[in-house]
Amino acid sequence: MRYSIFSLVRNALNYHQDWPKAWRSPDPKPEYDAIIIGGGGHGLATAYYLAKEHGITNVAVLEKGWLGGGNTGRNTTIVRSNYELNGNALFYEKSMQLWEDLSQDLNYNVMFSQRGVLNLMHTDGAVDAAQRRGNALRLNGIDSEWWSPDMIKARVPMMEVKNDGHFPVMGGLMQPRAGTARHDAVAWGFARGADMRGVDIIQNCEVTGIDTENGRVTGVQTTRGAIRAKKIGIAVAGHSSHVAGMAGLRLPIESHVLQAMVSEPLKPCLDTVITSGVAHMYISQSDKGELVFGGDLDFYNSYAQRGNFPRIEHVVASILYLFPAFSRLRLMRSWGGIMDMSMDGSPIIGKTPIEGLYLIGGWCYGGLTATPGSGWVFAHTMAQDRLHELNELFTLDRFHQGYVIDERGAGPTPGAH
């Protein structure tokens, strides 16, 4: 352990006056072996695995703001691997396996709680599709269970399991190993782990340009000066199109606002994650007792981390239809994250037409879920300059070739990012 129990007690008694910083704040060097643009979960995970798995430690992570100030701190903490198509299923299952040992690997508690994720079904067609997806999951060795209305009622007694009305609950697909994690702790854990291995994490350093020469990258221009590198990874989620445009690339990605919100805290009453694609809602309860919930995109292009009231009203109405007992709770706060929506609902992880420039993005609803897995395969791609078998389908040119991975209506539940 980095800190002994005695150091914890000592620092608690002196109000943390001598508490050491979790990571350094170095000035940027003139040149690195690799630069990661974006200090969110994916960028930090990539830097961590570059150092840990590939021995590449002369790495800089450039973040225009502060760690956790982007989408990493603006999501709803859901972790799952319940995707139907092979490309996504195997990739997200690798990420799930990394999640299960992540706190031990980082020596940092990311508060991963495998409380299960239950997708509700409300029509006969949805039931057929969900059971087909469950069969596909089991064929890939991924846990999946079909729950009848009686089983759902027994596990979630506060929910109205009705057979009539707008959203009759006709069953649900449960992934027991899925759950939630503390998003801030994920970023902090990867940041500390990367820093301990020599990676420079440079905050308040905005990239303003990407330098190229003869078809390959040579470095970046930043608000803290020019930095040279022969390998550059873009990991900026909702700002992927903007940053890639600095190198002359146009991406098949749109940026949209996705809102979420929390209620005032209450006693434990919901011990799993509930989602409904038809009702466009999802809900879970945090360790602090707050109900965390959200819904679908606001459906207008935006880079603003804020939403609008009609979406909040829609989500709350859907929640109260299934959980009328929550009607007396007060809404404490809401926020918006920027979703980088690819055109087929699957991520882009790989090389670009510019030599030495790599891209990871297009997460749609699977951003936090993919964090350790994305960093693991992206680090491999950057270090080896070739795709790993787990991201060989997630190429940028699949949209040109027509080999899309259309998971928009099968795997992700809207809002469960």
Protein backbone atom coordinates (compact mmCIF):
# COMPACT_ATOMS: atom_id res chain seq x y z
CA MET A 1 0.00 0.00 0.00
CA ARG A 2 1.25 3.47 -0.87
CA TYR A 3 -0.16 4.91 2.36
CA SER A 4 -0.10 3.05 5.66
CA ILE A 5 -2.97 3.19 8.14
CA PHE A 6 -0.76 5.29 10.39
CA SER A 7 -0.21 7.93 7.69
CA LEU A 8 -3.96 8.04 7.08
CA VAL A 9 -4.65 8.66 10.78
CA ARG A 10 -1.83 11.22 11.05
CA ASN A 11 -3.08 13.20 8.08
CA ALA A 12 -6.65 13.04 9.32
CA LEU A 13 -5.61 14.56 12.66
CA ASN A 14 -3.66 17.45 11.08
CA TYR A 15 -6.45 18.20 8.57
CA HIS A 16 -4.46 16.76 5.63
CA GLN A 17 -1.90 19.60 5.76
CA ASP A 18 0.92 17.20 4.82
CA TRP A 19 -1.14 15.06 2.46
CA PRO A 20 1.01 14.26 -0.61
CA LYS A 21 -0.29 15.02 -4.10
CA ALA A 22 -1.71 12.04 -5.95
CA TRP A 23 0.18 13.00 -9.13
CA ARG A 24 2.74 15.58 -10.20
CA SER A 25 2.05 18.81 -12.10
CA PRO A 26 5.12 19.02 -14.35
CA ASP A 27 5.90 21.55 -17.02
CA PRO A 28 5.77 20.08 -20.52
CA LYS A 29 9.02 18.82 -22.01
CA PRO A 30 9.99 19.85 -25.56
CA GLU A 31 9.50 16.30 -26.85
CA TYR A 32 7.88 12.99 -25.89
CA ASP A 33 7.70 9.53 -27.40
CA ALA A 34 3.91 9.82 -27.36
CA ILE A 35 1.30 12.45 -26.60
CA ILE A 36 -2.28 11.73 -25.53
CA ILE A 37 -4.68 14.61 -26.17
CA GLY A 38 -7.37 14.44 -23.51
CA GLY A 39 -7.07 13.83 -19.78
CA GLY A 40 -10.35 12.00 -19.30
CA GLY A 41 -10.77 8.34 -18.45
CA HIS A 42 -9.82 7.05 -21.90
CA GLY A 43 -6.73 9.22 -22.25
CA LEU A 44 -5.47 8.44 -18.75
CA ALA A 45 -6.16 4.71 -19.18
CA THR A 46 -4.22 4.73 -22.46
CA ALA A 47 -1.24 6.40 -20.82
CA TYR A 48 -1.39 3.96 -17.90
CA TYR A 49 -1.39 0.88 -20.13
CA LEU A 50 1.29 2.35 -22.43
CA ALA A 51 3.54 2.50 -19.39
CA LYS A 52 2.41 -0.69 -17.64
CA GLU A 53 1.98 -3.08 -20.56
CA HIS A 54 4.41 -1.68 -23.14
CA GLY A 55 7.10 0.08 -21.11
CA ILE A 56 6.54 3.43 -22.87
CA THR A 57 6.84 6.00 -20.07
CA ASN A 58 8.01 9.12 -21.92
CA VAL A 59 4.38 10.08 -22.43
CA ALA A 60 2.44 13.31 -21.92
CA VAL A 61 -1.30 13.55 -21.28
CA LEU A 62 -2.48 17.02 -22.29
CA GLU A 63 -5.72 18.25 -20.72
CA LYS A 64 -7.14 21.67 -21.56
CA GLY A 65 -8.87 21.95 -18.18
CA TRP A 66 -8.61 19.73 -15.12
CA LEU A 67 -8.89 15.99 -14.67
CA GLY A 68 -12.51 14.96 -14.39
CA GLY A 69 -13.81 18.24 -15.78
CA GLY A 70 -15.15 16.71 -18.99
CA ASN A 71 -17.37 13.71 -19.67
CA THR A 72 -15.54 11.60 -17.08
CA GLY A 73 -17.20 13.68 -14.36
CA ARG A 74 -20.51 13.98 -16.23
CA ASN A 75 -21.88 10.49 -16.65
CA THR A 76 -24.03 8.08 -14.71
CA THR A 77 -21.42 5.49 -13.76
CA ILE A 78 -22.99 2.46 -15.50
CA VAL A 79 -20.68 -0.44 -16.41
CA ARG A 80 -21.86 -3.33 -18.60
CA SER A 81 -20.94 -5.63 -21.48
CA ASN A 82 -24.41 -6.62 -22.73
CA TYR A 83 -23.81 -5.95 -26.43
CA GLU A 84 -25.15 -8.33 -29.07
CA LEU A 85 -22.78 -8.05 -32.04
CA ASN A 86 -19.46 -9.86 -31.76
CA GLY A 87 -17.22 -6.85 -32.30
CA ASN A 88 -18.74 -4.93 -29.43
CA ALA A 89 -19.50 -7.92 -27.20
CA LEU A 90 -15.92 -9.21 -27.07
CA PHE A 91 -14.41 -5.75 -26.67
CA TYR A 92 -16.75 -4.68 -23.87
CA GLU A 93 -16.38 -8.04 -22.13
CA LYS A 94 -12.60 -7.50 -22.04
CA SER A 95 -13.30 -4.15 -20.46
CA MET A 96 -15.61 -5.82 -17.93
CA GLN A 97 -12.88 -8.28 -16.99
CA LEU A 98 -10.47 -5.39 -16.43
CA TRP A 99 -13.10 -3.63 -14.31
CA GLU A 100 -13.36 -6.64 -12.02
CA ASP A 101 -9.69 -6.36 -10.99
CA LEU A 102 -9.20 -2.64 -11.54
CA SER A 103 -9.12 -1.51 -7.92
CA GLN A 104 -6.46 -4.10 -7.13
CA ASP A 105 -4.50 -3.29 -10.29
CA LEU A 106 -4.46 0.45 -9.60
CA ASN A 107 -4.23 0.04 -5.81
CA TYR A 108 -7.06 2.57 -5.76
CA ASN A 109 -10.71 1.97 -4.93
CA VAL A 110 -12.77 2.82 -8.02
CA MET A 111 -15.91 1.74 -6.14
CA PHE A 112 -16.95 -0.82 -8.74
CA SER A 113 -20.23 -2.38 -7.58
CA GLN A 114 -21.56 -5.38 -9.52
CA ARG A 115 -25.19 -4.81 -8.63
CA GLY A 116 -26.51 -5.88 -12.04
CA VAL A 117 -28.13 -4.01 -14.93
CA LEU A 118 -31.73 -4.90 -15.86
CA ASN A 119 -33.13 -3.87 -19.26
CA LEU A 120 -36.95 -3.80 -19.15
CA MET A 121 -39.04 -4.97 -22.12
CA HIS A 122 -42.54 -3.67 -22.81
CA THR A 123 -43.67 -5.28 -26.08
CA ASP A 124 -43.69 -8.75 -27.62
CA GLY A 125 -41.18 -7.63 -30.24
CA ALA A 126 -38.85 -6.26 -27.58
CA VAL A 127 -39.08 -9.52 -25.64
CA ASP A 128 -38.04 -11.50 -28.74
CA ALA A 129 -35.15 -9.12 -29.46
CA ALA A 130 -33.95 -9.20 -25.84
CA GLN A 131 -34.02 -12.99 -25.65
CA ARG A 132 -32.11 -13.17 -28.93
CA ARG A 133 -29.51 -10.79 -27.50
CA GLY A 134 -29.32 -12.86 -24.33
CA ASN A 135 -28.62 -15.98 -26.37
CA ALA A 136 -25.89 -14.15 -28.30
CA LEU A 137 -24.32 -12.99 -25.04
CA ARG A 138 -24.25 -16.48 -23.58
CA LEU A 139 -22.71 -17.87 -26.79
CA ASN A 140 -19.87 -15.38 -26.26
CA GLY A 141 -19.46 -16.46 -22.64
CA ILE A 142 -21.08 -13.29 -21.25
CA ASP A 143 -23.51 -13.59 -18.36
CA SER A 144 -27.14 -12.92 -19.19
CA GLU A 145 -30.44 -13.95 -17.60
CA TRP A 146 -34.05 -13.53 -18.70
CA TRP A 147 -36.25 -12.36 -15.83
CA SER A 148 -40.02 -12.80 -15.78
CA PRO A 149 -42.30 -10.07 -14.38
CA ASP A 150 -42.60 -12.02 -11.11
CA MET A 151 -38.81 -12.22 -10.76
CA ILE A 152 -38.54 -8.49 -11.42
CA LYS A 153 -41.20 -7.70 -8.85
CA ALA A 154 -39.41 -9.81 -6.25
CA ARG A 155 -36.06 -8.06 -6.88
CA VAL A 156 -37.45 -4.52 -7.32
CA PRO A 157 -40.55 -4.35 -5.11
CA MET A 158 -40.88 -0.55 -5.42
CA MET A 159 -41.41 -0.71 -9.18
CA GLU A 160 -44.89 -0.93 -10.66
CA VAL A 161 -44.84 -4.11 -12.74
CA LYS A 162 -48.03 -3.57 -14.74
CA ASN A 163 -49.62 -5.55 -17.54
CA ASP A 164 -51.46 -2.58 -19.01
CA GLY A 165 -50.86 1.09 -19.65
CA HIS A 166 -48.09 2.71 -21.68
CA PHE A 167 -45.20 0.58 -20.41
CA PRO A 168 -46.34 -2.91 -19.40
CA VAL A 169 -43.38 -4.80 -17.94
CA MET A 170 -43.26 -8.08 -19.86
CA GLY A 171 -39.86 -9.15 -18.58
CA GLY A 172 -36.28 -8.01 -18.62
CA LEU A 173 -32.74 -8.97 -19.58
CA MET A 174 -30.37 -8.95 -16.61
CA GLN A 175 -26.57 -8.92 -16.66
CA PRO A 176 -25.65 -9.79 -13.05
CA ARG A 177 -21.94 -8.86 -13.38
CA ALA A 178 -22.74 -5.35 -14.61
CA GLY A 179 -23.15 -2.43 -12.24
CA THR A 180 -21.70 0.96 -11.44
CA ALA A 181 -18.34 2.59 -10.64
CA ARG A 182 -17.33 5.96 -9.23
CA HIS A 183 -16.37 7.98 -12.31
CA ASP A 184 -14.09 10.44 -10.49
CA ALA A 185 -12.23 7.63 -8.77
CA VAL A 186 -11.63 5.95 -12.14
CA ALA A 187 -9.92 9.08 -13.48
CA TRP A 188 -7.95 9.62 -10.28
CA GLY A 189 -6.85 6.00 -10.09
CA PHE A 190 -5.59 5.91 -13.68
CA ALA A 191 -3.93 9.33 -13.25
CA ARG A 192 -2.04 8.23 -10.14
CA GLY A 193 -1.07 4.92 -11.71
CA ALA A 194 0.25 6.60 -14.87
CA ASP A 195 2.10 9.27 -12.88
CA MET A 196 3.80 6.65 -10.71
CA ARG A 197 5.18 5.08 -13.90
CA GLY A 198 6.66 8.35 -15.16
CA VAL A 199 3.86 9.74 -17.35
CA ASP A 200 3.56 13.55 -17.34
CA ILE A 201 -0.03 14.71 -16.75
CA ILE A 202 -0.22 18.33 -17.84
CA GLN A 203 -3.43 20.17 -16.97
CA ASN A 204 -4.53 23.57 -18.27
CA CYS A 205 -2.73 22.83 -21.53
CA GLU A 206 -5.07 23.18 -24.50
CA VAL A 207 -4.03 21.78 -27.87
CA THR A 208 -4.53 24.45 -30.54
CA GLY A 209 -2.97 22.70 -33.52
CA ILE A 210 -1.56 19.40 -34.76
CA ASP A 211 1.68 19.63 -36.75
CA THR A 212 2.23 17.35 -39.74
CA GLU A 213 4.99 16.97 -42.30
CA ASN A 214 4.97 14.73 -45.38
CA GLY A 215 1.86 12.89 -44.22
CA ARG A 216 2.90 12.16 -40.65
CA VAL A 217 2.55 13.95 -37.30
CA THR A 218 5.48 15.77 -35.78
CA GLY A 219 3.92 17.35 -32.70
CA VAL A 220 1.26 19.69 -31.35
CA GLN A 221 0.81 23.38 -30.69
CA THR A 222 -0.55 24.19 -27.23
CA THR A 223 -1.30 27.16 -25.01
CA ARG A 224 1.93 26.24 -23.21
CA GLY A 225 4.08 26.05 -26.32
CA ALA A 226 4.97 23.55 -29.02
CA ILE A 227 5.58 19.92 -28.07
CA ARG A 228 7.11 17.38 -30.45
CA ALA A 229 6.13 13.71 -30.69
CA LYS A 230 6.06 11.03 -33.39
CA LYS A 231 2.91 9.43 -31.98
CA ILE A 232 -0.22 11.31 -30.99
CA GLY A 233 -3.47 9.83 -29.69
CA ILE A 234 -6.73 11.78 -29.74
CA ALA A 235 -8.97 10.84 -26.79
CA VAL A 236 -11.33 13.77 -26.35
CA ALA A 237 -14.79 12.15 -26.66
CA GLY A 238 -17.35 14.80 -27.64
CA HIS A 239 -14.66 17.09 -29.04
CA SER A 240 -13.19 14.44 -31.37
CA SER A 241 -14.38 16.19 -34.55
CA HIS A 242 -12.98 19.53 -33.41
CA VAL A 243 -9.52 18.18 -32.53
CA ALA A 244 -9.28 15.86 -35.54
CA GLY A 245 -10.14 18.84 -37.72
CA MET A 246 -6.85 20.41 -36.65
CA ALA A 247 -5.15 17.68 -38.69
CA GLY A 248 -7.53 18.05 -41.62
CA LEU A 249 -9.68 15.03 -40.77
CA ARG A 250 -13.46 14.98 -41.02
CA LEU A 251 -15.03 12.35 -38.78
CA PRO A 252 -18.37 10.47 -39.04
CA ILE A 253 -19.28 11.73 -35.57
CA GLU A 254 -21.90 14.11 -34.21
CA SER A 255 -21.74 15.76 -30.76
CA HIS A 256 -24.95 15.87 -28.73
CA VAL A 257 -25.96 16.75 -25.18
CA LEU A 258 -26.99 13.94 -22.85
CA GLN A 259 -28.49 15.00 -19.54
CA ALA A 260 -28.57 13.23 -16.19
CA MET A 261 -29.78 14.23 -12.76
CA VAL A 262 -29.93 13.15 -9.12
CA SER A 263 -32.57 13.32 -6.40
CA GLU A 264 -32.12 14.12 -2.76
CA PRO A 265 -30.72 11.10 -0.85
CA LEU A 266 -32.93 8.49 0.76
CA LYS A 267 -32.49 5.14 2.47
CA PRO A 268 -31.35 2.18 0.32
CA CYS A 269 -34.30 1.05 -1.79
CA LEU A 270 -32.90 0.17 -5.23
CA ASP A 271 -30.04 -2.31 -5.38
CA THR A 272 -29.70 -2.69 -9.14
CA VAL A 273 -29.66 -0.53 -12.28
CA ILE A 274 -32.99 -0.35 -14.14
CA THR A 275 -33.17 0.78 -17.78
CA SER A 276 -35.97 1.06 -20.32
CA GLY A 277 -35.24 1.79 -23.96
CA VAL A 278 -38.91 2.39 -24.77
CA ALA A 279 -39.43 4.80 -21.87
CA HIS A 280 -36.01 6.39 -22.55
CA MET A 281 -34.92 6.24 -18.94
CA TYR A 282 -32.50 4.57 -16.56
CA ILE A 283 -32.17 4.78 -12.79
CA SER A 284 -29.92 3.53 -10.01
CA GLN A 285 -29.14 4.52 -6.44
CA SER A 286 -25.73 5.83 -5.45
CA ASP A 287 -23.84 4.87 -2.30
CA LYS A 288 -24.83 8.27 -0.87
CA GLY A 289 -28.51 7.40 -1.33
CA GLU A 290 -29.22 9.69 -4.27
CA LEU A 291 -31.26 8.36 -7.16
CA VAL A 292 -29.22 8.81 -10.35
CA PHE A 293 -31.29 8.90 -13.53
CA GLY A 294 -31.41 10.15 -17.09
CA GLY A 295 -32.75 9.42 -20.53
CA ASP A 296 -32.12 10.03 -24.19
CA LEU A 297 -30.15 12.69 -26.03
CA ASP A 298 -31.45 16.23 -26.32
CA PHE A 299 -31.13 15.71 -30.10
CA TYR A 300 -29.44 18.90 -31.14
CA ASN A 301 -25.77 19.34 -31.92
CA SER A 302 -23.92 21.12 -29.15
CA TYR A 303 -20.63 21.35 -27.29
CA ALA A 304 -22.30 22.93 -24.24
CA GLN A 305 -22.36 20.93 -21.01
CA ARG A 306 -25.94 21.84 -20.24
CA GLY A 307 -29.35 20.69 -21.34
CA ASN A 308 -32.95 21.85 -21.30
CA PHE A 309 -35.96 21.41 -19.07
CA PRO A 310 -38.22 19.44 -21.46
CA ARG A 311 -35.79 16.50 -21.35
CA ILE A 312 -35.75 16.60 -17.55
CA GLU A 313 -39.55 16.63 -17.51
CA HIS A 314 -39.71 13.67 -19.89
CA VAL A 315 -37.27 11.58 -17.84
CA VAL A 316 -38.98 12.36 -14.53
CA ALA A 317 -42.39 11.44 -16.00
CA SER A 318 -41.03 8.07 -17.17
CA ILE A 319 -39.42 7.39 -13.80
CA LEU A 320 -42.63 8.18 -11.92
CA TYR A 321 -44.71 5.95 -14.17
CA LEU A 322 -42.63 2.96 -13.05
CA PHE A 323 -41.77 4.26 -9.57
CA PRO A 324 -44.70 6.38 -8.34
CA ALA A 325 -43.35 6.27 -4.77
CA PHE A 326 -40.52 8.61 -5.85
CA SER A 327 -42.93 11.45 -6.67
CA ARG A 328 -42.28 13.30 -3.39
CA LEU A 329 -38.51 13.46 -3.86
CA ARG A 330 -36.81 16.73 -4.73
CA LEU A 331 -34.53 17.06 -7.74
CA MET A 332 -31.14 18.14 -6.42
CA ARG A 333 -29.14 18.89 -9.57
CA SER A 334 -28.75 18.04 -13.24
CA TRP A 335 -25.90 18.19 -15.73
CA GLY A 336 -25.08 17.53 -19.35
CA GLY A 337 -22.29 15.55 -20.98
CA ILE A 338 -21.15 15.76 -24.59
CA MET A 339 -21.78 12.53 -26.45
CA ASP A 340 -19.68 11.72 -29.51
CA MET A 341 -22.20 9.75 -31.54
CA SER A 342 -20.74 7.62 -34.33
CA MET A 343 -22.95 6.81 -37.28
CA ASP A 344 -23.32 3.11 -36.42
CA GLY A 345 -23.37 3.33 -32.62
CA SER A 346 -19.97 1.65 -32.22
CA PRO A 347 -16.62 3.21 -31.26
CA ILE A 348 -13.70 4.19 -33.47
CA ILE A 349 -10.38 2.86 -32.12
CA GLY A 350 -7.40 2.81 -34.40
CA LYS A 351 -5.13 4.54 -36.87
CA THR A 352 -5.95 7.51 -39.08
CA PRO A 353 -4.79 8.27 -42.64
CA ILE A 354 -2.06 10.45 -41.10
CA GLU A 355 0.93 8.38 -39.99
CA GLY A 356 1.49 8.48 -36.24
CA LEU A 357 -1.96 9.92 -35.50
CA TYR A 358 -4.39 7.63 -33.68
CA LEU A 359 -8.03 8.15 -32.72
CA ILE A 360 -10.28 6.79 -30.01
CA GLY A 361 -13.84 8.09 -29.87
CA GLY A 362 -17.41 7.70 -31.09
CA TRP A 363 -18.50 6.17 -27.79
CA CYS A 364 -22.21 6.92 -28.03
CA TYR A 365 -23.65 5.44 -24.80
CA GLY A 366 -20.67 3.26 -23.84
CA GLY A 367 -18.01 5.74 -22.71
CA LEU A 368 -17.41 4.97 -19.04
CA THR A 369 -18.19 1.30 -19.60
CA ALA A 370 -15.31 1.00 -22.06
CA THR A 371 -12.71 2.99 -20.11
CA PRO A 372 -10.22 0.27 -19.08
CA GLY A 373 -10.78 -1.81 -22.22
CA SER A 374 -10.39 1.17 -24.53
CA GLY A 375 -7.17 2.26 -22.85
CA TRP A 376 -5.84 -1.29 -23.02
CA VAL A 377 -6.43 -1.79 -26.77
CA PHE A 378 -5.58 1.81 -27.73
CA ALA A 379 -2.25 1.53 -25.90
CA HIS A 380 -1.55 -1.66 -27.87
CA THR A 381 -2.43 0.08 -31.15
CA MET A 382 -0.21 3.08 -30.41
CA ALA A 383 2.70 1.03 -29.09
CA GLN A 384 2.67 -1.61 -31.84
CA ASP A 385 1.31 0.61 -34.64
CA ARG A 386 -1.20 -2.10 -35.45
CA LEU A 387 -4.68 -3.05 -34.36
CA HIS A 388 -5.41 -5.58 -31.64
CA GLU A 389 -7.90 -8.30 -32.55
CA LEU A 390 -10.38 -6.68 -30.13
CA ASN A 391 -10.45 -3.38 -32.05
CA GLU A 392 -9.73 -4.58 -35.57
CA LEU A 393 -13.38 -3.96 -36.52
CA PHE A 394 -13.45 -0.43 -35.08
CA THR A 395 -11.49 1.19 -37.89
CA LEU A 396 -12.23 4.66 -39.21
CA ASP A 397 -12.44 3.46 -42.81
CA ARG A 398 -15.31 1.05 -42.08
CA PHE A 399 -17.70 3.87 -42.87
CA HIS A 400 -16.08 4.25 -46.29
CA GLN A 401 -15.97 0.50 -46.90
CA GLY A 402 -19.50 -0.15 -45.61
CA TYR A 403 -18.52 -2.64 -42.88
CA VAL A 404 -20.42 -0.85 -40.12
CA ILE A 405 -21.19 -2.38 -36.73
CA ASP A 406 -24.81 -1.31 -36.37
CA GLU A 407 -25.50 -1.71 -32.65
CA ARG A 408 -27.74 1.34 -32.26
CA GLY A 409 -30.88 -0.60 -31.40
CA ALA A 410 -29.50 -3.82 -29.96
CA GLY A 411 -26.85 -3.31 -27.32
CA PRO A 412 -26.86 0.17 -25.79
CA THR A 413 -29.80 1.40 -23.80
CA PRO A 414 -30.22 5.16 -24.32
CA GLY A 415 -28.54 7.06 -21.56
CA ALA A 416 -26.63 4.13 -20.08
CA HIS A 417 -23.24 5.53 -20.89
